[in-house]
Amino acid sequence: MEVIVNTKSSAELKVPLIYIIAGESSGDVLGAGLIRALRAETGDNVEVAGIGGDLMTAEGLQTIFPISEIAVMGIIEVLPKVPKILERISQTVADVQSRQPAAVVTIDSKAFNMRVNKRLHTLRAKTGKGPKLIHWVPPTVWAWRPGRAEVIAKYLDHLLALYPFEPPYFVAHGLPTTFVGHPAALTPDVNSKCFKSIYGLPLESPVLGVFPGSRLGEVKRLLPVFGDVADRLAIRYQGLRVVLPTVSLVADAVREATANWRPPVSIITEHSHRTGAFSACTAALAASGTVTLELSLAGVPTVAAYRVNALSATIARRLIDPESVVLTNKLMGKRVIPQFLQEDCTADRITVAIEQLFDDRRARAKQEIASESIRQMLIVDGEDPSFRAARTILTLLRGNNNLTAN
């Protein structure tokens, strides 16, 4: 992959250079929206550089390496990749030093991005100059390791929060934090009939949405179980179809894993068709994570399931509140979406839960009611969160460091 190095600093350029780092697919979505918003807010008078996936590169960013090299999930799973990740951290810091951006905006991927931010903060302290350090998507201190809030407050200049309950955790330690909202809460303009026509889905057929995650490890662990569920449902529900949105990084693995499933599977790699896939779903089976929130906001009745390496699970049980794993449940303060984690992640249990969503109108209505409540929580004054984030960043670059949470 070609690496384009801009030898001029942002001070020498007529427009600010903003360095954006997204280390996984969900961050790539946010990063692409941020690039579009920055251009709109500045009349296209902004330059971007950094690390991103397909969506950010489609917006013109030339990533210095593929995000697949740093998109790793699980305490044990990350160990074999530590040397490569450390190498990429050093490469990223060196690239930032070379380009001298006005700001570095890191998105999610805390294990990677916080190490980058810490090094950049140290360099800035030594030299007296350096970029503003801004992070979007705070660490989930409300679910585990709350001490991280105090740690990152030492080397970040500003934090952009997705959820309204997040700012107090960080403001308490002196880190200015702005709640910008969640882009998934925007109401998409979709047509399920059009989507079904494109992918050859009969209009009256029941559709199961399957969302196994965007990391290769997730796909390998979850699709065997999800496939068993799909096969069982296909026996009971005549004409069942499966839609499976995924990303290019794992598309080949997904095709291989689903090749022998009983129901026909439509694999969706085009991100612009993702919301169409949501609209077509009768119900969904999803890896716990951001997608469960997206599905809730789209009004799709959902079951969440997840499984990690056994040792990772043992460690996680000591650190993580299981009621915080599914974001919809966290936001609502109760278990709206059924969740099946680790040893509970079995085809028997998941199948029963999805059958209830297919058959019981009241079970579906319970989730649909929560959808609108969550949407209202995650939009500030009707604004697009990407534009709100862009304006916050640009305001910081103009010298206003006193932005606080709403």
Protein backbone atom coordinates (compact mmCIF):
# COMPACT_ATOMS: atom_id res chain seq x y z
CA MET A 1 0.00 0.00 0.00
CA GLU A 2 1.39 3.39 -1.00
CA VAL A 3 2.23 5.74 1.84
CA ILE A 4 1.86 9.44 1.06
CA VAL A 5 3.90 11.70 3.32
CA ASN A 6 3.14 15.40 3.48
CA THR A 7 6.41 17.12 4.31
CA LYS A 8 4.78 20.41 5.26
CA SER A 9 3.49 21.09 8.76
CA SER A 10 -0.07 22.28 9.27
CA ALA A 11 1.34 25.66 10.28
CA GLU A 12 2.87 25.98 6.80
CA LEU A 13 -0.33 24.92 5.06
CA LYS A 14 -3.21 27.26 4.29
CA VAL A 15 -5.63 24.78 5.82
CA PRO A 16 -5.39 22.68 8.99
CA LEU A 17 -4.15 19.10 8.79
CA ILE A 18 -6.12 16.75 11.03
CA TYR A 19 -4.70 13.29 11.65
CA ILE A 20 -7.46 10.73 12.21
CA ILE A 21 -6.87 7.20 13.51
CA ALA A 22 -9.53 4.46 13.41
CA GLY A 23 -8.43 0.94 14.25
CA GLU A 24 -11.54 -1.10 13.47
CA SER A 25 -14.66 -1.10 11.32
CA SER A 26 -16.95 0.78 13.71
CA GLY A 27 -14.33 3.50 14.02
CA ASP A 28 -13.98 3.58 10.24
CA VAL A 29 -17.69 4.45 10.01
CA LEU A 30 -17.28 7.31 12.50
CA GLY A 31 -14.09 8.48 10.81
CA ALA A 32 -15.68 8.64 7.37
CA GLY A 33 -18.57 10.69 8.74
CA LEU A 34 -16.14 12.99 10.52
CA ILE A 35 -14.13 13.62 7.35
CA ARG A 36 -17.30 14.57 5.46
CA ALA A 37 -18.41 16.85 8.29
CA LEU A 38 -15.01 18.56 8.58
CA ARG A 39 -15.04 19.32 4.88
CA ALA A 40 -18.58 20.66 5.02
CA GLU A 41 -17.85 22.82 8.07
CA THR A 42 -14.68 24.31 6.53
CA GLY A 43 -15.85 24.64 2.94
CA ASP A 44 -13.41 21.84 2.06
CA ASN A 45 -10.53 23.81 3.57
CA VAL A 46 -9.10 20.95 5.61
CA GLU A 47 -6.60 18.17 5.01
CA VAL A 48 -6.78 14.73 6.57
CA ALA A 49 -4.24 11.98 7.06
CA GLY A 50 -3.94 8.93 9.27
CA ILE A 51 -5.21 5.36 9.53
CA GLY A 52 -8.57 4.05 8.40
CA GLY A 53 -10.50 1.39 6.55
CA ASP A 54 -12.46 1.23 3.32
CA LEU A 55 -14.91 3.99 4.21
CA MET A 56 -12.28 6.53 5.25
CA THR A 57 -10.14 5.78 2.22
CA ALA A 58 -13.25 6.29 0.07
CA GLU A 59 -13.35 9.81 1.55
CA GLY A 60 -9.80 10.44 0.38
CA LEU A 61 -7.70 9.39 3.37
CA GLN A 62 -4.59 7.41 2.43
CA THR A 63 -4.02 5.04 5.33
CA ILE A 64 -0.43 4.29 6.30
CA PHE A 65 -1.27 0.61 6.94
CA PRO A 66 -4.37 -1.65 6.91
CA ILE A 67 -6.52 -1.46 10.04
CA SER A 68 -6.74 -5.26 10.04
CA GLU A 69 -3.27 -5.28 11.61
CA ILE A 70 -4.52 -3.62 14.80
CA ALA A 71 -8.16 -4.79 14.95
CA VAL A 72 -7.83 -7.50 17.61
CA MET A 73 -10.35 -8.44 20.31
CA GLY A 74 -9.74 -10.50 23.45
CA ILE A 75 -7.13 -10.50 26.19
CA ILE A 76 -5.44 -13.70 25.04
CA GLU A 77 -6.10 -13.26 21.32
CA VAL A 78 -4.06 -10.06 21.20
CA LEU A 79 -0.86 -11.62 22.57
CA PRO A 80 0.50 -13.08 19.29
CA LYS A 81 0.05 -9.70 17.61
CA VAL A 82 1.76 -7.60 20.29
CA PRO A 83 5.10 -7.19 18.44
CA LYS A 84 3.36 -6.05 15.24
CA ILE A 85 1.04 -3.72 17.15
CA LEU A 86 3.97 -2.13 19.00
CA GLU A 87 5.72 -1.66 15.67
CA ARG A 88 2.64 0.03 14.24
CA ILE A 89 2.36 2.32 17.28
CA SER A 90 5.93 3.51 16.70
CA GLN A 91 5.25 3.95 12.99
CA THR A 92 2.13 5.99 13.72
CA VAL A 93 3.88 8.29 16.19
CA ALA A 94 6.73 8.83 13.72
CA ASP A 95 4.25 9.64 10.96
CA VAL A 96 2.48 12.19 13.16
CA GLN A 97 5.82 13.81 13.99
CA SER A 98 6.67 13.99 10.30
CA ARG A 99 3.37 15.54 9.24
CA GLN A 100 2.96 17.91 12.23
CA PRO A 101 -0.86 18.05 12.20
CA ALA A 102 -2.88 20.63 14.08
CA ALA A 103 -4.81 17.85 15.83
CA VAL A 104 -4.77 14.10 16.23
CA VAL A 105 -8.25 12.59 16.52
CA THR A 106 -8.21 8.97 17.65
CA ILE A 107 -11.41 6.91 17.38
CA ASP A 108 -12.15 3.96 19.68
CA SER A 109 -9.49 1.15 19.58
CA LYS A 110 -8.33 2.17 23.03
CA ALA A 111 -5.48 -0.34 23.39
CA PHE A 112 -3.77 1.07 20.31
CA ASN A 113 -4.88 4.70 20.36
CA MET A 114 -4.20 5.47 24.00
CA ARG A 115 -0.61 4.29 23.61
CA VAL A 116 -0.25 6.57 20.61
CA ASN A 117 -1.74 9.49 22.55
CA LYS A 118 0.47 8.87 25.55
CA ARG A 119 3.62 8.93 23.43
CA LEU A 120 2.52 12.07 21.60
CA HIS A 121 1.75 13.78 24.91
CA THR A 122 5.22 12.88 26.22
CA LEU A 123 6.85 14.27 23.07
CA ARG A 124 4.80 17.46 23.33
CA ALA A 125 5.83 17.91 26.95
CA LYS A 126 9.51 17.59 25.99
CA THR A 127 9.46 19.86 22.94
CA GLY A 128 6.79 22.35 23.93
CA LYS A 129 4.92 21.85 20.67
CA GLY A 130 2.61 19.28 19.18
CA PRO A 131 -0.95 18.61 18.08
CA LYS A 132 -4.15 18.79 20.08
CA LEU A 133 -4.97 15.28 21.30
CA ILE A 134 -8.66 14.44 20.95
CA HIS A 135 -10.32 11.05 21.37
CA TRP A 136 -13.77 9.98 20.18
CA VAL A 137 -15.52 7.01 21.88
CA PRO A 138 -14.38 6.98 25.52
CA PRO A 139 -13.15 3.84 27.28
CA THR A 140 -16.08 1.97 28.82
CA VAL A 141 -15.13 2.91 32.37
CA TRP A 142 -18.79 2.51 33.33
CA ALA A 143 -18.47 -1.22 32.59
CA TRP A 144 -14.97 -2.05 33.83
CA ARG A 145 -11.71 -0.52 35.08
CA PRO A 146 -13.05 2.93 36.08
CA GLY A 147 -9.50 3.99 36.95
CA ARG A 148 -8.81 4.46 33.24
CA ALA A 149 -10.70 7.77 33.35
CA GLU A 150 -8.05 9.31 35.58
CA VAL A 151 -5.23 7.85 33.49
CA ILE A 152 -6.32 9.18 30.10
CA ALA A 153 -7.16 12.58 31.59
CA LYS A 154 -3.42 13.06 32.03
CA TYR A 155 -2.60 13.03 28.32
CA LEU A 156 -5.72 13.94 26.34
CA ASP A 157 -6.89 17.49 25.63
CA HIS A 158 -10.50 16.65 24.88
CA LEU A 159 -12.89 13.72 24.74
CA LEU A 160 -15.92 13.24 22.48
CA ALA A 161 -18.63 11.04 24.01
CA LEU A 162 -21.26 8.91 22.27
CA TYR A 163 -23.54 8.47 25.29
CA PRO A 164 -25.06 11.01 27.68
CA PHE A 165 -23.98 9.17 30.83
CA GLU A 166 -20.26 9.22 29.92
CA PRO A 167 -18.99 12.82 30.47
CA PRO A 168 -19.19 12.90 34.30
CA TYR A 169 -16.73 9.99 34.60
CA PHE A 170 -14.04 12.03 32.84
CA VAL A 171 -14.91 15.61 33.78
CA ALA A 172 -14.41 14.51 37.40
CA HIS A 173 -10.73 14.05 36.57
CA GLY A 174 -10.35 17.35 34.73
CA LEU A 175 -10.74 16.06 31.16
CA PRO A 176 -13.07 18.32 29.12
CA THR A 177 -15.68 16.06 27.52
CA THR A 178 -18.39 16.86 25.00
CA PHE A 179 -21.40 14.62 24.43
CA VAL A 180 -21.85 14.71 20.65
CA GLY A 181 -24.36 11.88 20.29
CA HIS A 182 -24.28 8.70 18.25
CA PRO A 183 -24.52 8.73 14.42
CA ALA A 184 -26.49 5.48 14.51
CA ALA A 185 -29.40 7.43 16.02
CA LEU A 186 -29.98 9.33 12.77
CA THR A 187 -33.11 8.09 11.04
CA PRO A 188 -32.05 6.52 7.72
CA ASP A 189 -34.13 6.78 4.56
CA VAL A 190 -34.45 3.12 3.55
CA ASN A 191 -36.76 0.97 1.47
CA SER A 192 -36.94 -2.68 2.45
CA LYS A 193 -38.72 -3.63 -0.79
CA CYS A 194 -35.92 -2.10 -2.84
CA PHE A 195 -33.29 -3.93 -0.77
CA LYS A 196 -35.12 -7.25 -1.12
CA SER A 197 -35.39 -6.73 -4.86
CA ILE A 198 -31.65 -6.06 -5.21
CA TYR A 199 -30.74 -9.23 -3.31
CA GLY A 200 -33.50 -11.44 -4.67
CA LEU A 201 -35.36 -11.88 -1.39
CA PRO A 202 -39.06 -12.80 -1.71
CA LEU A 203 -41.14 -9.99 -0.22
CA GLU A 204 -43.08 -12.27 2.13
CA SER A 205 -40.18 -14.47 3.28
CA PRO A 206 -39.03 -14.18 6.90
CA VAL A 207 -35.51 -12.75 7.10
CA LEU A 208 -32.91 -13.39 9.80
CA GLY A 209 -30.16 -10.81 10.02
CA VAL A 210 -26.84 -12.30 11.15
CA PHE A 211 -24.09 -9.98 12.43
CA PRO A 212 -21.03 -11.94 13.64
CA GLY A 213 -18.69 -8.99 14.17
CA SER A 214 -15.99 -7.44 12.04
CA ARG A 215 -12.93 -9.23 13.41
CA LEU A 216 -11.68 -12.55 12.07
CA GLY A 217 -11.60 -14.10 15.54
CA GLU A 218 -15.24 -13.20 16.12
CA VAL A 219 -16.28 -14.68 12.78
CA LYS A 220 -14.48 -17.96 13.50
CA ARG A 221 -15.92 -18.29 17.01
CA LEU A 222 -19.48 -17.19 16.38
CA LEU A 223 -20.50 -18.30 12.89
CA PRO A 224 -20.54 -22.05 13.70
CA VAL A 225 -23.09 -21.40 16.46
CA PHE A 226 -25.00 -18.82 14.42
CA GLY A 227 -25.13 -21.26 11.49
CA ASP A 228 -26.60 -23.96 13.71
CA VAL A 229 -29.29 -21.49 14.79
CA ALA A 230 -30.05 -20.52 11.18
CA ASP A 231 -30.35 -24.18 10.14
CA ARG A 232 -32.83 -24.90 12.94
CA LEU A 233 -34.91 -21.83 12.13
CA ALA A 234 -34.99 -22.76 8.43
CA ILE A 235 -36.69 -26.04 9.32
CA ARG A 236 -39.44 -24.28 11.26
CA TYR A 237 -39.92 -21.16 9.13
CA GLN A 238 -40.56 -21.99 5.50
CA GLY A 239 -38.72 -19.78 3.02
CA LEU A 240 -36.37 -18.30 5.64
CA ARG A 241 -33.58 -16.18 4.19
CA VAL A 242 -30.45 -14.88 5.89
CA VAL A 243 -28.82 -11.51 5.27
CA LEU A 244 -25.30 -11.11 6.61
CA PRO A 245 -23.69 -7.66 6.34
CA THR A 246 -19.93 -7.81 6.78
CA VAL A 247 -16.72 -5.97 5.93
CA SER A 248 -14.19 -6.72 3.22
CA LEU A 249 -11.53 -7.71 5.78
CA VAL A 250 -13.43 -10.87 6.76
CA ALA A 251 -15.73 -11.40 3.76
CA ASP A 252 -13.84 -14.45 2.46
CA ALA A 253 -13.95 -16.12 5.88
CA VAL A 254 -17.68 -15.40 6.10
CA ARG A 255 -18.35 -16.91 2.67
CA GLU A 256 -16.46 -20.06 3.62
CA ALA A 257 -18.21 -20.39 6.98
CA THR A 258 -21.72 -19.96 5.54
CA ALA A 259 -21.31 -22.04 2.36
CA ASN A 260 -23.22 -25.05 3.72
CA TRP A 261 -25.95 -23.34 5.74
CA ARG A 262 -29.46 -24.67 5.12
CA PRO A 263 -31.14 -21.29 4.38
CA PRO A 264 -29.92 -19.13 1.47
CA VAL A 265 -27.45 -16.49 2.69
CA SER A 266 -27.04 -13.04 1.12
CA ILE A 267 -23.64 -11.65 2.12
CA ILE A 268 -23.64 -7.84 2.06
CA THR A 269 -20.26 -6.12 1.73
CA GLU A 270 -21.51 -2.77 0.46
CA HIS A 271 -21.72 -0.49 3.50
CA SER A 272 -24.37 1.71 1.89
CA HIS A 273 -26.69 -1.33 1.82
CA ARG A 274 -26.33 -1.96 5.55
CA THR A 275 -29.38 0.05 6.63
CA GLY A 276 -31.37 -1.63 3.86
CA ALA A 277 -30.41 -4.96 5.37
CA PHE A 278 -31.68 -3.74 8.74
CA SER A 279 -35.02 -2.78 7.23
CA ALA A 280 -35.45 -6.23 5.68
CA CYS A 281 -34.89 -8.17 8.91
CA THR A 282 -37.72 -9.90 10.72
CA ALA A 283 -35.27 -10.40 13.60
CA ALA A 284 -31.51 -10.36 14.08
CA LEU A 285 -28.78 -12.38 15.78
CA ALA A 286 -25.78 -10.22 16.55
CA ALA A 287 -22.45 -10.24 18.30
CA SER A 288 -22.71 -7.97 21.34
CA GLY A 289 -21.28 -4.57 20.49
CA THR A 290 -22.14 -1.45 18.55
CA VAL A 291 -24.27 -3.35 16.06
CA THR A 292 -26.81 -4.26 18.75
CA LEU A 293 -27.39 -0.55 19.29
CA GLU A 294 -27.66 0.07 15.55
CA LEU A 295 -30.24 -2.69 15.25
CA SER A 296 -32.22 -1.32 18.19
CA LEU A 297 -32.28 2.13 16.63
CA ALA A 298 -33.46 0.59 13.35
CA GLY A 299 -36.30 -1.10 15.23
CA VAL A 300 -35.06 -4.63 14.54
CA PRO A 301 -35.91 -7.20 17.27
CA THR A 302 -32.54 -8.62 18.26
CA VAL A 303 -30.82 -11.36 20.22
CA ALA A 304 -27.20 -10.72 21.27
CA ALA A 305 -24.59 -13.45 21.70
CA TYR A 306 -20.85 -13.54 22.21
CA ARG A 307 -18.05 -15.93 22.98
CA VAL A 308 -14.33 -15.41 23.54
CA ASN A 309 -11.32 -17.55 24.37
CA ALA A 310 -11.93 -19.42 27.65
CA LEU A 311 -9.01 -17.75 29.45
CA SER A 312 -10.10 -14.32 28.20
CA ALA A 313 -13.57 -15.05 29.55
CA THR A 314 -12.22 -16.04 32.97
CA ILE A 315 -10.31 -12.78 33.23
CA ALA A 316 -13.20 -10.70 31.85
CA ARG A 317 -15.65 -12.06 34.42
CA ARG A 318 -13.55 -10.47 37.15
CA LEU A 319 -13.51 -7.10 35.43
CA ILE A 320 -16.65 -6.57 33.33
CA ASP A 321 -20.25 -5.99 34.36
CA PRO A 322 -22.21 -8.38 32.09
CA GLU A 323 -25.22 -6.04 32.16
CA SER A 324 -23.10 -3.42 30.35
CA VAL A 325 -22.11 -5.65 27.43
CA VAL A 326 -25.19 -4.89 25.32
CA LEU A 327 -25.48 -1.12 24.90
CA THR A 328 -29.25 -1.07 24.50
CA ASN A 329 -29.63 -2.78 27.87
CA LYS A 330 -27.17 -0.37 29.47
CA LEU A 331 -28.99 2.69 28.12
CA MET A 332 -32.42 1.39 29.14
CA GLY A 333 -31.24 0.24 32.56
CA LYS A 334 -32.81 -3.17 32.04
CA ARG A 335 -32.46 -6.24 29.83
CA VAL A 336 -34.46 -5.38 26.72
CA ILE A 337 -32.36 -7.48 24.34
CA PRO A 338 -31.84 -11.15 25.33
CA GLN A 339 -28.11 -11.82 25.68
CA PHE A 340 -26.23 -15.12 25.66
CA LEU A 341 -22.59 -14.85 26.65
CA GLN A 342 -19.85 -17.48 26.72
CA GLU A 343 -21.25 -20.85 27.93
CA ASP A 344 -24.79 -19.50 27.42
CA CYS A 345 -23.94 -18.86 23.76
CA THR A 346 -25.50 -22.09 22.49
CA ALA A 347 -27.74 -22.86 19.53
CA ASP A 348 -30.42 -24.30 21.83
CA ARG A 349 -30.84 -21.15 23.90
CA ILE A 350 -30.42 -18.67 21.06
CA THR A 351 -32.93 -20.48 18.83
CA VAL A 352 -35.64 -20.34 21.48
CA ALA A 353 -35.08 -16.60 21.97
CA ILE A 354 -35.25 -15.83 18.24
CA GLU A 355 -38.35 -17.98 17.80
CA GLN A 356 -40.02 -15.83 20.43
CA LEU A 357 -39.21 -12.70 18.40
CA PHE A 358 -40.56 -14.31 15.23
CA ASP A 359 -43.77 -15.53 16.91
CA ASP A 360 -44.62 -13.14 19.74
CA ARG A 361 -45.78 -9.65 18.77
CA ARG A 362 -45.44 -8.46 22.37
CA ALA A 363 -41.79 -9.52 22.51
CA ARG A 364 -41.11 -7.53 19.35
CA ALA A 365 -43.06 -4.52 20.61
CA LYS A 366 -40.98 -4.41 23.79
CA GLN A 367 -37.83 -3.81 21.75
CA GLU A 368 -39.52 -1.45 19.30
CA ILE A 369 -40.68 0.82 22.14
CA ALA A 370 -37.13 0.96 23.51
CA SER A 371 -35.89 2.01 20.07
CA GLU A 372 -37.50 5.44 20.15
CA SER A 373 -36.46 6.07 23.76
CA ILE A 374 -32.83 5.38 22.88
CA ARG A 375 -32.96 7.56 19.77
CA GLN A 376 -34.04 10.53 21.87
CA MET A 377 -31.14 9.90 24.26
CA LEU A 378 -28.49 9.88 21.55
CA ILE A 379 -29.26 12.97 19.48
CA VAL A 380 -28.43 16.47 20.78
CA ASP A 381 -30.73 19.25 19.54
CA GLY A 382 -31.49 17.28 16.39
CA GLU A 383 -27.91 17.65 15.14
CA ASP A 384 -25.88 15.12 13.17
CA PRO A 385 -23.29 13.81 15.70
CA SER A 386 -20.55 13.83 13.05
CA PHE A 387 -21.07 17.56 12.50
CA ARG A 388 -21.22 18.19 16.23
CA ALA A 389 -17.90 16.36 16.61
CA ALA A 390 -16.37 18.31 13.71
CA ARG A 391 -17.44 21.66 15.17
CA THR A 392 -16.01 20.73 18.55
CA ILE A 393 -12.66 19.84 16.97
CA LEU A 394 -12.53 23.03 14.90
CA THR A 395 -13.46 25.14 17.93
CA LEU A 396 -10.57 23.59 19.86
CA LEU A 397 -8.20 24.43 17.01
CA ARG A 398 -9.34 28.04 17.19
CA GLY A 399 -8.16 28.16 20.77
CA ASN A 400 -11.27 27.56 22.86
CA ASN A 401 -10.26 24.91 25.39
CA ASN A 402 -13.22 25.44 27.70
CA LEU A 403 -15.75 23.20 25.96
CA THR A 404 -17.61 21.02 28.43
CA ALA A 405 -20.26 18.35 28.43
CA ASN A 406 -23.86 19.23 27.70
